[in-house]
Amino acid sequence: MKSGITELSETRRRLDVEIPAADVDAAIDRLARRHRGRARVPGFRPGKVPMHVVRQRFKEDILRDAANDLVPAAVETALGEHGVSTVDTPDVREISIDEGEPLTFHALFEVMPAITALDYDALTLRRRPVVPDAGAEERALEQLRLRASRVVPVTDRPLETGDIAILDLTRRAAGDDGEAGGFREPQQRATIELGVEGNPPGLDDELVGLAAGDSKTFDLTYPEGSAPAELAGRRVTHEVTVREHHRRELPDLDDAFAKSVGSFESLEKLKARIADDLRREAEIETRRGVRRDLLRQLAGRLTAEVPDALVEREIARRLEQVAGAMAQQGMDPRTANVDWNALREEQRASSVEAVRASLVLDEVARREDVSVGDEDVEQELARHAERLGQTPAAVRARLDRDGGVARLAESLRREKAIDLLLSRATIVTA
């Protein structure tokens, strides 16, 4: 077998391969015999079709199978002979195969960039303290009150802002008479809380003043980006009938409330705990800021080209996170009004920066002999298991299926490299 590699750029390569005709013909003969055993040709008994008939009748199938047998092994052998490791599976192109002829093809692939000069010992990082704003404690208290609230029926007045309406609702957009693009969505006993963020503009104003048993029809225009996607940017007719009217009753902010939401002796103790939590979160965010500064500086110190495959992998990971967050909120990522192509491109620049930082961290870990042992992996698996409410063995089995344990070890090694760099850096408060 002949092979050669051409350098197209810092990270892109082209592999050209030629497999001798004798090897090709041997594969064709073997596969032709296999086809003969299962061929069904009128006039011949199964397994008794003449070989020349099999070769003529199933030539394209035999050649395709021969290429599928020969090419992957040839790629692996050629890369091994040249001592090359690829970032991703090579992209095989222009396969040429026929009886009596060598099989030729080329494959495009990427390699990791060579990182030579790299200065990471004289890093100066900025620590920008994060301070909770003046209303953070009050907002946290209100959130606790909201979770501890109870809903009570209202019978002596119409709906007001802040009330909860249970209503039968039908939304209709143009097209119900056969016109393309029609939309109709009836909902029985839909719950609408007046005044909350996320209600369509104008909906609260239309409902205020209605009482249980009242019906009303009105039109609203949904802004671009609204959900459901079928209504975004459209004028929609609403038909509503109020079935029930409730209000949210918030508990008083007193010692009894503090005891009801946790083991707090008094409201002051609860407020002190909230203040401590906010300070702790602010300190965590401050440390994250230092870490982000470190990663930005590392990314900026790598001038080499980065493999496209790694960038695409990072973009895909981020989009999976977005889709997962949407699913946790009860939204279907497949039908949500999200321009995934636009979101992908929005993530490209930051993904390139993230890949650059990761490559530098890997190089730092190599130079500094940073390693991750089985004990480190097992401890991290135990932490994952505790968060998920599963056993470490179950978490490991799930990760093993798609190479997740290796990726976990890689992530831990990078975190150790970050800790090492932070311990050496000069950190100034700004």
Protein backbone atom coordinates (compact mmCIF):
# COMPACT_ATOMS: atom_id res chain seq x y z
CA MET A 1 0.00 0.00 0.00
CA LYS A 2 1.23 3.46 -0.89
CA SER A 3 0.32 6.51 1.15
CA GLY A 4 1.38 10.10 1.59
CA ILE A 5 0.34 13.04 3.74
CA THR A 6 0.19 16.63 2.52
CA GLU A 7 0.12 19.55 4.97
CA LEU A 8 -2.69 21.94 4.03
CA SER A 9 -2.42 24.23 7.07
CA GLU A 10 -1.28 24.14 10.70
CA THR A 11 -4.01 21.69 11.57
CA ARG A 12 -5.41 20.34 8.28
CA ARG A 13 -3.88 17.42 6.40
CA ARG A 14 -4.63 15.37 3.27
CA LEU A 15 -3.93 11.63 3.18
CA ASP A 16 -3.58 10.00 -0.28
CA VAL A 17 -3.76 6.20 -0.42
CA GLU A 18 -3.32 3.59 -3.14
CA ILE A 19 -4.19 -0.06 -2.41
CA PRO A 20 -2.58 -2.56 -4.81
CA ALA A 21 -4.77 -4.19 -7.46
CA ALA A 22 -3.98 -7.66 -6.09
CA ASP A 23 -5.47 -6.77 -2.70
CA VAL A 24 -8.49 -5.20 -4.39
CA ASP A 25 -9.11 -8.27 -6.57
CA ALA A 26 -8.78 -10.58 -3.57
CA ALA A 27 -11.45 -8.59 -1.72
CA ILE A 28 -13.68 -8.58 -4.80
CA ASP A 29 -13.34 -12.37 -5.20
CA ARG A 30 -14.18 -12.94 -1.54
CA LEU A 31 -17.23 -10.69 -1.66
CA ALA A 32 -18.41 -12.11 -4.99
CA ARG A 33 -18.47 -15.58 -3.40
CA ARG A 34 -20.47 -14.17 -0.50
CA HIS A 35 -22.99 -12.60 -2.92
CA ARG A 36 -23.19 -15.88 -4.85
CA GLY A 37 -24.31 -17.72 -1.74
CA ARG A 38 -27.33 -15.46 -1.26
CA ALA A 39 -28.02 -14.34 -4.86
CA ARG A 40 -31.48 -14.95 -6.29
CA VAL A 41 -31.34 -14.98 -10.11
CA PRO A 42 -34.19 -16.37 -12.28
CA GLY A 43 -33.15 -19.65 -13.96
CA PHE A 44 -30.58 -20.63 -11.34
CA ARG A 45 -30.87 -22.45 -8.06
CA PRO A 46 -29.78 -20.53 -4.92
CA GLY A 47 -26.02 -20.80 -4.53
CA LYS A 48 -25.54 -22.15 -8.07
CA VAL A 49 -25.45 -18.87 -9.98
CA PRO A 50 -22.30 -18.80 -12.19
CA MET A 51 -19.61 -16.52 -10.81
CA HIS A 52 -19.41 -14.43 -13.96
CA VAL A 53 -23.18 -13.77 -13.72
CA VAL A 54 -22.80 -12.74 -10.07
CA ARG A 55 -19.92 -10.39 -10.93
CA GLN A 56 -21.90 -8.78 -13.76
CA ARG A 57 -25.27 -8.56 -12.04
CA PHE A 58 -24.01 -7.39 -8.63
CA LYS A 59 -20.87 -5.55 -9.69
CA GLU A 60 -21.77 -2.19 -8.09
CA ASP A 61 -22.75 -3.82 -4.81
CA ILE A 62 -19.59 -5.91 -4.73
CA LEU A 63 -17.34 -2.93 -5.46
CA ARG A 64 -19.07 -0.84 -2.78
CA ASP A 65 -18.69 -3.61 -0.21
CA ALA A 66 -15.04 -4.07 -1.16
CA ALA A 67 -14.39 -0.36 -0.66
CA ASN A 68 -16.17 -0.45 2.70
CA ASP A 69 -13.95 -3.36 3.74
CA LEU A 70 -10.65 -1.95 2.51
CA VAL A 71 -10.78 1.80 3.05
CA PRO A 72 -11.21 2.08 6.87
CA ALA A 73 -8.41 -0.38 7.53
CA ALA A 74 -6.19 1.38 4.97
CA VAL A 75 -6.79 4.75 6.66
CA GLU A 76 -5.91 3.33 10.08
CA THR A 77 -2.80 1.58 8.74
CA ALA A 78 -1.57 4.65 6.82
CA LEU A 79 -2.03 6.99 9.78
CA GLY A 80 -0.19 4.52 12.01
CA GLU A 81 2.70 4.26 9.56
CA HIS A 82 3.02 8.04 9.49
CA GLY A 83 2.64 8.33 13.27
CA VAL A 84 -0.31 10.72 12.99
CA SER A 85 -3.23 11.13 15.45
CA THR A 86 -6.38 12.79 14.16
CA VAL A 87 -8.75 15.10 16.01
CA ASP A 88 -11.80 13.49 14.44
CA THR A 89 -12.71 10.74 11.96
CA PRO A 90 -11.04 11.45 8.58
CA ASP A 91 -13.35 12.56 5.76
CA VAL A 92 -12.79 10.02 2.95
CA ARG A 93 -13.37 11.31 -0.58
CA GLU A 94 -13.07 10.31 -4.27
CA ILE A 95 -12.87 6.54 -3.89
CA SER A 96 -11.93 4.89 -7.20
CA ILE A 97 -12.27 1.08 -7.38
CA ASP A 98 -12.54 -1.48 -10.19
CA GLU A 99 -11.42 -4.99 -11.00
CA GLY A 100 -7.78 -5.23 -11.97
CA GLU A 101 -7.08 -1.66 -10.80
CA PRO A 102 -5.60 -0.18 -7.63
CA LEU A 103 -8.09 1.38 -5.22
CA THR A 104 -7.32 5.06 -4.70
CA PHE A 105 -8.82 7.68 -2.42
CA HIS A 106 -7.89 10.65 -0.31
CA ALA A 107 -8.99 11.65 3.17
CA LEU A 108 -9.02 15.05 4.85
CA PHE A 109 -8.41 15.27 8.57
CA GLU A 110 -7.26 17.60 11.33
CA VAL A 111 -4.47 17.31 13.87
CA MET A 112 -3.70 19.19 17.06
CA PRO A 113 -1.60 22.32 16.51
CA ALA A 114 1.99 22.30 17.64
CA ILE A 115 2.42 24.57 20.65
CA THR A 116 6.03 25.63 21.07
CA ALA A 117 6.65 29.03 22.71
CA LEU A 118 4.22 29.47 25.58
CA ASP A 119 4.70 31.80 28.55
CA TYR A 120 2.31 31.16 31.40
CA ASP A 121 4.41 31.98 34.46
CA ALA A 122 3.92 35.78 34.53
CA LEU A 123 0.14 36.04 34.64
CA THR A 124 -1.53 39.00 36.32
CA LEU A 125 -5.23 38.47 36.94
CA ARG A 126 -7.86 40.95 38.04
CA ARG A 127 -10.19 40.29 40.93
CA ARG A 128 -13.31 42.41 40.62
CA PRO A 129 -15.35 42.01 43.83
CA VAL A 130 -19.02 41.29 43.28
CA VAL A 131 -21.26 43.02 45.82
CA PRO A 132 -24.97 42.16 46.17
CA ASP A 133 -27.16 45.15 45.40
CA ALA A 134 -29.20 46.88 48.08
CA GLY A 135 -32.46 45.12 47.22
CA ALA A 136 -31.11 41.57 46.95
CA GLU A 137 -32.10 40.56 50.49
CA GLU A 138 -35.63 41.94 50.08
CA ARG A 139 -36.07 40.10 46.78
CA ALA A 140 -34.88 36.84 48.35
CA LEU A 141 -37.36 37.27 51.18
CA GLU A 142 -40.18 37.92 48.73
CA GLN A 143 -39.29 34.77 46.81
CA LEU A 144 -39.54 32.80 50.04
CA ARG A 145 -42.89 34.43 50.80
CA LEU A 146 -44.10 33.56 47.31
CA ARG A 147 -43.16 29.89 47.72
CA ALA A 148 -44.89 29.82 51.14
CA SER A 149 -48.04 31.57 49.89
CA ARG A 150 -51.44 29.96 49.56
CA VAL A 151 -54.17 30.56 47.00
CA VAL A 152 -57.62 31.51 48.27
CA PRO A 153 -60.88 32.04 46.33
CA VAL A 154 -62.28 35.52 45.68
CA THR A 155 -66.03 36.09 45.30
CA ASP A 156 -66.64 39.71 46.30
CA ARG A 157 -64.83 41.66 43.54
CA PRO A 158 -63.62 41.43 39.93
CA LEU A 159 -60.12 40.49 38.82
CA GLU A 160 -57.24 42.81 39.73
CA THR A 161 -53.53 42.79 38.95
CA GLY A 162 -51.88 40.10 41.07
CA ASP A 163 -54.96 37.85 41.06
CA ILE A 164 -55.13 34.37 39.54
CA ALA A 165 -57.79 33.56 36.92
CA ILE A 166 -58.86 30.03 35.98
CA LEU A 167 -60.45 30.33 32.55
CA ASP A 168 -61.47 28.51 29.41
CA LEU A 169 -59.38 30.05 26.65
CA THR A 170 -59.35 29.69 22.90
CA ARG A 171 -56.72 31.45 20.81
CA ARG A 172 -57.31 31.80 17.08
CA ALA A 173 -55.04 33.27 14.40
CA ALA A 174 -55.99 33.97 10.79
CA GLY A 175 -56.45 30.87 8.68
CA ASP A 176 -59.26 28.97 10.38
CA ASP A 177 -61.38 29.29 7.23
CA GLY A 178 -58.93 27.27 5.13
CA GLU A 179 -56.28 29.92 4.62
CA ALA A 180 -52.72 28.59 5.01
CA GLY A 181 -51.15 29.24 8.39
CA GLY A 182 -54.29 28.89 10.52
CA PHE A 183 -53.97 28.28 14.27
CA ARG A 184 -56.52 27.33 16.88
CA GLU A 185 -55.71 26.36 20.46
CA PRO A 186 -58.52 25.71 22.97
CA GLN A 187 -57.52 25.32 26.62
CA GLN A 188 -59.80 24.23 29.45
CA ARG A 189 -59.14 25.71 32.90
CA ALA A 190 -55.98 27.56 31.94
CA THR A 191 -54.29 29.37 34.85
CA ILE A 192 -53.30 33.00 34.28
CA GLU A 193 -51.66 35.08 37.02
CA LEU A 194 -52.24 38.74 36.19
CA GLY A 195 -49.18 40.96 36.29
CA VAL A 196 -46.46 38.32 35.97
CA GLU A 197 -43.63 38.63 33.50
CA GLY A 198 -44.21 36.57 30.39
CA ASN A 199 -47.90 37.29 29.84
CA PRO A 200 -48.61 38.51 26.30
CA PRO A 201 -48.67 42.33 26.12
CA GLY A 202 -52.20 43.59 26.79
CA LEU A 203 -53.60 40.37 28.23
CA ASP A 204 -53.70 41.63 31.82
CA ASP A 205 -55.56 44.81 30.83
CA GLU A 206 -58.22 42.75 29.03
CA LEU A 207 -58.80 40.47 32.03
CA VAL A 208 -58.83 43.11 34.77
CA GLY A 209 -62.45 43.82 35.77
CA LEU A 210 -63.87 40.44 34.76
CA ALA A 211 -65.55 38.22 37.35
CA ALA A 212 -66.25 34.49 37.58
CA GLY A 213 -68.78 33.58 34.86
CA ASP A 214 -67.88 36.51 32.58
CA SER A 215 -66.90 35.95 28.94
CA LYS A 216 -64.97 38.22 26.60
CA THR A 217 -63.48 38.25 23.10
CA PHE A 218 -60.50 40.45 22.23
CA ASP A 219 -57.47 40.65 19.92
CA LEU A 220 -53.78 40.83 20.90
CA THR A 221 -50.64 41.08 18.79
CA TYR A 222 -47.88 38.69 19.88
CA PRO A 223 -44.32 40.05 19.64
CA GLU A 224 -41.65 38.30 17.58
CA GLY A 225 -40.05 35.52 19.58
CA SER A 226 -43.22 34.70 21.53
CA ALA A 227 -44.30 31.16 22.36
CA PRO A 228 -45.91 29.25 20.84
CA ALA A 229 -43.91 29.95 17.69
CA GLU A 230 -47.07 29.78 15.55
CA LEU A 231 -48.31 33.01 17.16
CA ALA A 232 -45.09 35.06 17.09
CA GLY A 233 -45.66 38.34 15.27
CA ARG A 234 -49.35 37.61 14.62
CA ARG A 235 -52.63 39.18 15.68
CA VAL A 236 -54.56 36.63 17.71
CA THR A 237 -58.21 36.52 18.73
CA HIS A 238 -58.85 35.39 22.32
CA GLU A 239 -62.15 34.02 23.59
CA VAL A 240 -62.18 33.68 27.38
CA THR A 241 -64.64 32.59 30.04
CA VAL A 242 -63.61 33.09 33.65
CA ARG A 243 -64.34 29.94 35.68
CA GLU A 244 -62.67 30.76 38.99
CA HIS A 245 -61.05 33.76 40.64
CA HIS A 246 -58.32 33.45 43.27
CA ARG A 247 -55.75 35.62 44.98
CA ARG A 248 -52.38 34.77 46.41
CA GLU A 249 -52.19 35.20 50.18
CA LEU A 250 -48.63 35.93 51.34
CA PRO A 251 -47.56 35.10 54.91
CA ASP A 252 -46.52 37.92 57.19
CA LEU A 253 -42.80 38.55 57.56
CA ASP A 254 -42.43 37.53 61.20
CA ASP A 255 -40.76 34.93 63.40
CA ALA A 256 -43.47 32.37 62.64
CA PHE A 257 -42.74 32.71 58.91
CA ALA A 258 -38.99 32.24 59.56
CA LYS A 259 -39.69 29.03 61.49
CA SER A 260 -41.98 27.75 58.72
CA VAL A 261 -39.31 28.00 55.98
CA GLY A 262 -36.46 26.41 57.97
CA SER A 263 -34.88 25.95 61.37
CA PHE A 264 -34.64 29.68 62.12
CA GLU A 265 -35.47 30.98 65.59
CA SER A 266 -36.49 34.41 64.33
CA LEU A 267 -36.93 36.58 61.27
CA GLU A 268 -33.61 38.25 62.05
CA LYS A 269 -31.89 34.87 61.98
CA LEU A 270 -33.46 34.18 58.57
CA LYS A 271 -32.34 37.57 57.26
CA ALA A 272 -28.82 36.93 58.54
CA ARG A 273 -28.76 33.58 56.74
CA ILE A 274 -29.92 35.21 53.52
CA ALA A 275 -27.24 37.88 53.85
CA ASP A 276 -24.59 35.18 54.41
CA ASP A 277 -25.79 33.22 51.36
CA LEU A 278 -25.70 36.33 49.19
CA ARG A 279 -22.17 37.16 50.35
CA ARG A 280 -21.09 33.59 49.69
CA GLU A 281 -22.61 33.68 46.18
CA ALA A 282 -20.91 37.02 45.53
CA GLU A 283 -17.54 35.58 46.55
CA ILE A 284 -18.07 32.56 44.32
CA GLU A 285 -18.88 34.88 41.41
CA THR A 286 -15.78 36.94 42.21
CA ARG A 287 -13.64 33.79 41.99
CA ARG A 288 -15.36 32.84 38.75
CA GLY A 289 -14.40 36.23 37.38
CA VAL A 290 -10.73 35.59 38.16
CA ARG A 291 -11.02 32.19 36.48
CA ARG A 292 -12.63 33.73 33.39
CA ASP A 293 -9.81 36.29 33.22
CA LEU A 294 -7.28 33.46 33.38
CA LEU A 295 -8.95 31.54 30.56
CA ARG A 296 -9.22 34.68 28.41
CA GLN A 297 -5.53 35.37 28.84
CA LEU A 298 -4.59 31.76 28.07
CA ALA A 299 -6.71 31.81 24.92
CA GLY A 300 -5.00 35.02 23.82
CA ARG A 301 -1.54 33.48 24.24
CA LEU A 302 -2.23 30.74 21.70
CA THR A 303 -1.66 32.07 18.19
CA ALA A 304 -1.82 28.69 16.44
CA GLU A 305 -4.78 27.65 14.33
CA VAL A 306 -7.36 25.57 16.17
CA PRO A 307 -9.06 22.52 14.62
CA ASP A 308 -12.55 23.20 13.29
CA ALA A 309 -13.72 19.84 14.65
CA LEU A 310 -12.98 20.94 18.23
CA VAL A 311 -14.83 24.22 17.70
CA GLU A 312 -17.87 22.43 16.25
CA ARG A 313 -17.79 19.99 19.16
CA GLU A 314 -17.78 22.87 21.65
CA ILE A 315 -20.66 24.61 19.84
CA ALA A 316 -22.66 21.38 19.85
CA ARG A 317 -22.04 20.97 23.59
CA ARG A 318 -23.34 24.48 24.26
CA LEU A 319 -26.44 23.96 22.13
CA GLU A 320 -27.13 20.70 23.97
CA GLN A 321 -26.99 22.64 27.24
CA VAL A 322 -29.49 25.18 25.89
CA ALA A 323 -31.82 22.40 24.71
CA GLY A 324 -31.49 20.63 28.07
CA ALA A 325 -32.35 23.80 29.98
CA MET A 326 -35.40 24.33 27.78
CA ALA A 327 -36.55 20.75 28.35
CA GLN A 328 -36.24 21.22 32.14
CA GLN A 329 -38.56 24.23 31.82
CA GLY A 330 -41.13 22.11 29.99
CA MET A 331 -40.32 23.47 26.51
CA ASP A 332 -39.77 21.25 23.47
CA PRO A 333 -36.50 22.40 21.82
CA ARG A 334 -37.68 20.96 18.49
CA THR A 335 -40.74 23.20 18.30
CA ALA A 336 -39.52 26.23 20.25
CA ASN A 337 -39.21 29.49 18.38
CA VAL A 338 -35.39 29.40 18.33
CA ASP A 339 -33.20 30.09 15.30
CA TRP A 340 -30.70 27.33 16.02
CA ASN A 341 -28.47 28.28 13.07
CA ALA A 342 -28.22 31.87 14.30
CA LEU A 343 -27.59 30.67 17.86
CA ARG A 344 -24.86 28.36 16.56
CA GLU A 345 -23.07 31.26 14.88
CA GLU A 346 -23.48 33.44 17.97
CA GLN A 347 -21.59 30.78 19.94
CA ARG A 348 -18.73 30.46 17.46
CA ALA A 349 -16.40 33.23 18.68
CA SER A 350 -16.64 32.25 22.35
CA SER A 351 -16.30 28.57 21.41
CA VAL A 352 -13.07 29.29 19.55
CA GLU A 353 -11.80 31.10 22.65
CA ALA A 354 -12.81 28.18 24.87
CA VAL A 355 -11.00 25.69 22.61
CA ARG A 356 -7.87 27.86 22.60
CA ALA A 357 -7.88 28.00 26.40
CA SER A 358 -8.40 24.23 26.64
CA LEU A 359 -5.46 23.54 24.30
CA VAL A 360 -3.22 25.77 26.42
CA LEU A 361 -4.38 24.05 29.62
CA ASP A 362 -3.61 20.65 28.09
CA GLU A 363 -0.14 21.87 27.15
CA VAL A 364 0.44 23.29 30.64
CA ALA A 365 -0.69 19.99 32.17
CA ARG A 366 1.74 18.12 29.89
CA ARG A 367 4.68 20.39 30.67
CA GLU A 368 3.97 20.44 34.41
CA ASP A 369 3.29 16.70 34.56
CA VAL A 370 -0.22 17.25 35.94
CA SER A 371 -2.00 13.92 36.27
CA VAL A 372 -5.36 12.56 37.33
CA GLY A 373 -5.51 9.26 39.16
CA ASP A 374 -8.27 6.70 39.58
CA GLU A 375 -8.97 8.10 43.05
CA ASP A 376 -9.63 11.57 41.59
CA VAL A 377 -12.07 10.10 39.06
CA GLU A 378 -13.86 7.99 41.69
CA GLN A 379 -14.29 11.01 43.97
CA GLU A 380 -15.77 13.05 41.14
CA LEU A 381 -18.08 10.19 40.17
CA ALA A 382 -19.25 10.03 43.80
CA ARG A 383 -20.02 13.77 43.74
CA HIS A 384 -21.95 13.36 40.47
CA ALA A 385 -23.85 10.43 41.91
CA GLU A 386 -24.79 12.36 45.05
CA ARG A 387 -26.14 15.29 43.00
CA LEU A 388 -28.16 12.93 40.78
CA GLY A 389 -29.35 10.68 43.60
CA GLN A 390 -27.75 7.63 41.96
CA THR A 391 -25.02 5.16 42.84
CA PRO A 392 -21.45 5.83 41.62
CA ALA A 393 -21.57 2.51 39.73
CA ALA A 394 -24.69 3.60 37.83
CA VAL A 395 -23.12 6.95 36.92
CA ARG A 396 -19.92 5.24 35.76
CA ALA A 397 -21.87 2.74 33.63
CA ARG A 398 -23.76 5.56 31.92
CA LEU A 399 -20.59 7.55 31.25
CA ASP A 400 -18.70 4.47 30.04
CA ARG A 401 -21.17 4.01 27.20
CA ASP A 402 -20.01 7.12 25.35
CA GLY A 403 -16.49 7.72 26.62
CA GLY A 404 -17.70 10.02 29.36
CA VAL A 405 -15.24 8.77 32.00
CA ALA A 406 -12.27 9.70 29.78
CA ARG A 407 -13.78 13.14 29.22
CA LEU A 408 -14.31 13.50 32.98
CA ALA A 409 -10.65 12.69 33.62
CA GLU A 410 -9.64 15.22 30.95
CA SER A 411 -11.79 17.88 32.60
CA LEU A 412 -10.29 17.14 36.03
CA ARG A 413 -6.78 17.41 34.60
CA ARG A 414 -7.59 20.83 33.17
CA GLU A 415 -9.05 21.95 36.50
CA LYS A 416 -5.82 20.92 38.21
CA ALA A 417 -3.88 22.94 35.62
CA ILE A 418 -6.12 25.95 36.37
CA ASP A 419 -5.47 25.59 40.10
CA LEU A 420 -1.74 25.44 39.42
CA LEU A 421 -1.81 28.60 37.29
CA LEU A 422 -3.94 30.46 39.83
CA SER A 423 -1.48 29.56 42.59
CA ARG A 424 1.34 31.10 40.55
CA ALA A 425 -0.48 34.15 39.19
CA THR A 426 -0.43 37.63 40.62
CA ILE A 427 -4.01 38.57 41.49
CA VAL A 428 -4.81 42.25 41.91
CA THR A 429 -8.12 43.70 43.12
CA ALA A 430 -9.55 46.19 40.66
